[in-house]
C-alpha atoms as a PDB file:
ATOM      1  CA  MET A   1       0.000   0.000   0.000  1.00  0.00           C
ATOM      2  CA  PRO A   2       1.208   3.546  -0.592  1.00  0.00           C
ATOM      3  CA  ASP A   3       2.655   5.673   2.175  1.00  0.00           C
ATOM      4  CA  ASP A   4      -0.617   7.219   3.196  1.00  0.00           C
ATOM      5  CA  PRO A   5      -1.940   7.600   6.737  1.00  0.00           C
ATOM      6  CA  ARG A   6      -5.261   6.099   5.580  1.00  0.00           C
ATOM      7  CA  ALA A   7      -3.437   2.834   4.776  1.00  0.00           C
ATOM      8  CA  ASN A   8      -2.693   2.268   8.465  1.00  0.00           C
ATOM      9  CA  VAL A   9      -6.285   1.539   9.537  1.00  0.00           C
ATOM     10  CA  THR A  10      -7.302  -1.684  11.254  1.00  0.00           C
ATOM     11  CA  GLU A  11     -10.796  -1.924   9.764  1.00  0.00           C
ATOM     12  CA  PRO A  12     -12.514  -0.732   6.582  1.00  0.00           C
ATOM     13  CA  THR A  13     -13.668   2.872   6.621  1.00  0.00           C
ATOM     14  CA  PRO A  14     -15.819   4.765   4.109  1.00  0.00           C
ATOM     15  CA  SER A  15     -12.943   7.190   3.502  1.00  0.00           C
ATOM     16  CA  CYS A  16     -10.535   4.422   2.434  1.00  0.00           C
ATOM     17  CA  PRO A  17      -9.728   4.872  -1.288  1.00  0.00           C
ATOM     18  CA  VAL A  18     -10.005   1.119  -1.910  1.00  0.00           C
ATOM     19  CA  GLU A  19     -13.432   0.999  -0.217  1.00  0.00           C
ATOM     20  CA  ILE A  20     -14.572   3.988  -2.290  1.00  0.00           C
ATOM     21  CA  THR A  21     -13.540   2.195  -5.488  1.00  0.00           C
ATOM     22  CA  LEU A  22     -15.181  -1.060  -4.429  1.00  0.00           C
ATOM     23  CA  ALA A  23     -18.386   0.816  -3.538  1.00  0.00           C
ATOM     24  CA  ALA A  24     -18.463   2.338  -7.041  1.00  0.00           C
ATOM     25  CA  LEU A  25     -18.035  -1.134  -8.591  1.00  0.00           C
ATOM     26  CA  HIS A  26     -20.497  -2.777  -6.193  1.00  0.00           C
ATOM     27  CA  GLY A  27     -23.271  -4.927  -7.557  1.00  0.00           C
ATOM     28  CA  ARG A  28     -23.613  -7.752  -9.978  1.00  0.00           C
ATOM     29  CA  TRP A  29     -23.404  -6.579 -13.604  1.00  0.00           C
ATOM     30  CA  THR A  30     -21.754  -3.251 -12.710  1.00  0.00           C
ATOM     31  CA  THR A  31     -18.413  -4.140 -14.274  1.00  0.00           C
ATOM     32  CA  LEU A  32     -20.099  -5.294 -17.493  1.00  0.00           C
ATOM     33  CA  VAL A  33     -22.142  -2.099 -17.689  1.00  0.00           C
ATOM     34  CA  ILE A  34     -18.971  -0.038 -17.276  1.00  0.00           C
ATOM     35  CA  ARG A  35     -17.256  -2.175 -19.921  1.00  0.00           C
ATOM     36  CA  GLU A  36     -19.966  -1.216 -22.410  1.00  0.00           C
ATOM     37  CA  PHE A  37     -19.365   2.467 -21.711  1.00  0.00           C
ATOM     38  CA  LEU A  38     -15.636   2.077 -22.283  1.00  0.00           C
ATOM     39  CA  HIS A  39     -16.643   1.567 -25.942  1.00  0.00           C
ATOM     40  CA  GLY A  40     -18.630   4.828 -26.036  1.00  0.00           C
ATOM     41  CA  ASP A  41     -21.860   6.526 -25.027  1.00  0.00           C
ATOM     42  CA  ARG A  42     -24.923   4.306 -24.688  1.00  0.00           C
ATOM     43  CA  THR A  43     -28.676   4.545 -24.307  1.00  0.00           C
ATOM     44  CA  PHE A  44     -30.731   2.259 -22.100  1.00  0.00           C
ATOM     45  CA  THR A  45     -31.921   0.340 -25.177  1.00  0.00           C
ATOM     46  CA  GLU A  46     -28.393  -0.128 -26.497  1.00  0.00           C
ATOM     47  CA  LEU A  47     -27.333  -1.528 -23.125  1.00  0.00           C
ATOM     48  CA  ARG A  48     -30.322  -3.911 -23.092  1.00  0.00           C
ATOM     49  CA  HIS A  49     -29.241  -5.268 -26.466  1.00  0.00           C
ATOM     50  CA  ALA A  50     -25.581  -5.548 -25.430  1.00  0.00           C
ATOM     51  CA  LEU A  51     -26.469  -7.357 -22.161  1.00  0.00           C
ATOM     52  CA  PRO A  52     -29.675  -9.293 -22.936  1.00  0.00           C
ATOM     53  CA  ALA A  53     -29.634 -11.377 -19.731  1.00  0.00           C
ATOM     54  CA  LEU A  54     -29.656  -8.214 -17.587  1.00  0.00           C
ATOM     55  CA  SER A  55     -33.142  -7.267 -16.391  1.00  0.00           C
ATOM     56  CA  ASP A  56     -34.490  -3.764 -16.968  1.00  0.00           C
ATOM     57  CA  LYS A  57     -34.796  -3.196 -13.213  1.00  0.00           C
ATOM     58  CA  VAL A  58     -31.185  -4.154 -12.487  1.00  0.00           C
ATOM     59  CA  LEU A  59     -29.968  -2.087 -15.441  1.00  0.00           C
ATOM     60  CA  SER A  60     -31.920   0.929 -14.159  1.00  0.00           C
ATOM     61  CA  ASP A  61     -30.476   0.392 -10.682  1.00  0.00           C
ATOM     62  CA  ARG A  62     -26.915   0.133 -12.024  1.00  0.00           C
ATOM     63  CA  LEU A  63     -27.272   3.256 -14.151  1.00  0.00           C
ATOM     64  CA  ALA A  64     -28.646   5.212 -11.178  1.00  0.00           C
ATOM     65  CA  HIS A  65     -25.868   3.908  -8.905  1.00  0.00           C
ATOM     66  CA  LEU A  66     -23.107   4.723 -11.386  1.00  0.00           C
ATOM     67  CA  THR A  67     -24.569   8.174 -12.030  1.00  0.00           C
ATOM     68  CA  GLU A  68     -24.763   8.874  -8.297  1.00  0.00           C
ATOM     69  CA  ALA A  69     -21.174   7.625  -7.854  1.00  0.00           C
ATOM     70  CA  GLY A  70     -19.960  10.076 -10.505  1.00  0.00           C
ATOM     71  CA  VAL A  71     -18.947   7.322 -12.916  1.00  0.00           C
ATOM     72  CA  LEU A  72     -21.625   8.176 -15.504  1.00  0.00           C
ATOM     73  CA  ALA A  73     -23.243  11.398 -16.684  1.00  0.00           C
ATOM     74  CA  ARG A  74     -26.906  11.267 -17.721  1.00  0.00           C
ATOM     75  CA  HIS A  75     -28.015  13.372 -20.703  1.00  0.00           C
ATOM     76  CA  ARG A  76     -31.715  13.848 -21.463  1.00  0.00           C
ATOM     77  CA  GLN A  77     -32.420  14.993 -24.996  1.00  0.00           C
ATOM     78  CA  PRO A  78     -35.515  17.122 -25.620  1.00  0.00           C
ATOM     79  CA  GLY A  79     -38.468  15.759 -27.542  1.00  0.00           C
ATOM     80  CA  TRP A  80     -40.978  12.978 -27.354  1.00  0.00           C
ATOM     81  CA  PRO A  81     -40.453  10.238 -26.522  1.00  0.00           C
ATOM     82  CA  PRO A  82     -37.758  11.336 -24.095  1.00  0.00           C
ATOM     83  CA  ARG A  83     -34.341   9.991 -25.042  1.00  0.00           C
ATOM     84  CA  VAL A  84     -31.654   9.573 -22.425  1.00  0.00           C
ATOM     85  CA  SER A  85     -28.036   8.714 -23.070  1.00  0.00           C
ATOM     86  CA  TYR A  86     -25.227   8.065 -20.660  1.00  0.00           C
ATOM     87  CA  THR A  87     -21.525   8.685 -20.962  1.00  0.00           C
ATOM     88  CA  LEU A  88     -18.534   7.937 -18.780  1.00  0.00           C
ATOM     89  CA  THR A  89     -17.229  10.871 -16.807  1.00  0.00           C
ATOM     90  CA  ALA A  90     -13.488  11.514 -16.614  1.00  0.00           C
ATOM     91  CA  ASP A  91     -13.497   9.618 -13.299  1.00  0.00           C
ATOM     92  CA  GLY A  92     -15.445   6.791 -14.927  1.00  0.00           C
ATOM     93  CA  ARG A  93     -12.884   6.459 -17.731  1.00  0.00           C
ATOM     94  CA  ARG A  94     -10.198   6.051 -15.080  1.00  0.00           C
ATOM     95  CA  LEU A  95     -11.892   2.789 -14.042  1.00  0.00           C
ATOM     96  CA  GLY A  96     -10.835   1.165 -17.338  1.00  0.00           C
ATOM     97  CA  PRO A  97      -7.333   0.244 -16.117  1.00  0.00           C
ATOM     98  CA  VAL A  98      -8.815  -0.863 -12.770  1.00  0.00           C
ATOM     99  CA  LEU A  99     -11.139  -3.302 -14.537  1.00  0.00           C
ATOM    100  CA  GLN A 100      -8.271  -4.493 -16.731  1.00  0.00           C
ATOM    101  CA  ALA A 101      -6.138  -5.145 -13.636  1.00  0.00           C
ATOM    102  CA  LEU A 102      -9.006  -7.087 -12.023  1.00  0.00           C
ATOM    103  CA  TRP A 103      -9.432  -9.115 -15.229  1.00  0.00           C
ATOM    104  CA  ASP A 104      -5.715  -9.872 -15.452  1.00  0.00           C
ATOM    105  CA  TRP A 105      -5.480 -10.918 -11.804  1.00  0.00           C
ATOM    106  CA  GLY A 106      -8.560 -13.118 -12.100  1.00  0.00           C
ATOM    107  CA  ALA A 107      -7.333 -14.726 -15.314  1.00  0.00           C
ATOM    108  CA  GLU A 108      -4.021 -15.615 -13.669  1.00  0.00           C
ATOM    109  CA  HIS A 109      -5.667 -17.019 -10.569  1.00  0.00           C
ATOM    110  CA  GLN A 110      -8.405 -18.843 -12.441  1.00  0.00           C
ATOM    111  CA  LEU A 111      -5.726 -21.062 -13.938  1.00  0.00           C
ATOM    112  CA  SER A 112      -4.061 -21.517 -10.566  1.00  0.00           C
ATOM    113  CA  SER A 113      -7.285 -22.490  -8.804  1.00  0.00           C
ATOM    114  CA  THR A 114      -8.180 -24.929 -11.581  1.00  0.00           C
ATOM    115  CA  GLU A 115      -4.733 -26.544 -11.346  1.00  0.00           C
ATOM    116  CA  ARG A 116      -5.081 -26.907  -7.548  1.00  0.00           C
ATOM    117  CA  ARG A 117      -8.221 -29.044  -7.807  1.00  0.00           C
END
């Protein structure tokens, strides 16, 4: 861990940078939703097509959570029917390397755990 006074805690705290990152990524499907945005802006319908097994309710929840966390920006376009698109914020784009690191670590350890069985 870096030389940071917050790294010397004995239990998780909401101000811990790692806990803040994990809270932003919390929830099943969140990483896949973010992955879709790493390819560009998306509408709700485009996300439904990209992730067909994801229910509308969970997708709505994830979009609201990521917007509240500052990972996504929501843009409502005028007209009828209302059209809403989402885009990654600058902070959201910074999660790309984090997700890649998680993928790489998991890929390495997936092989190790399979070999151990």
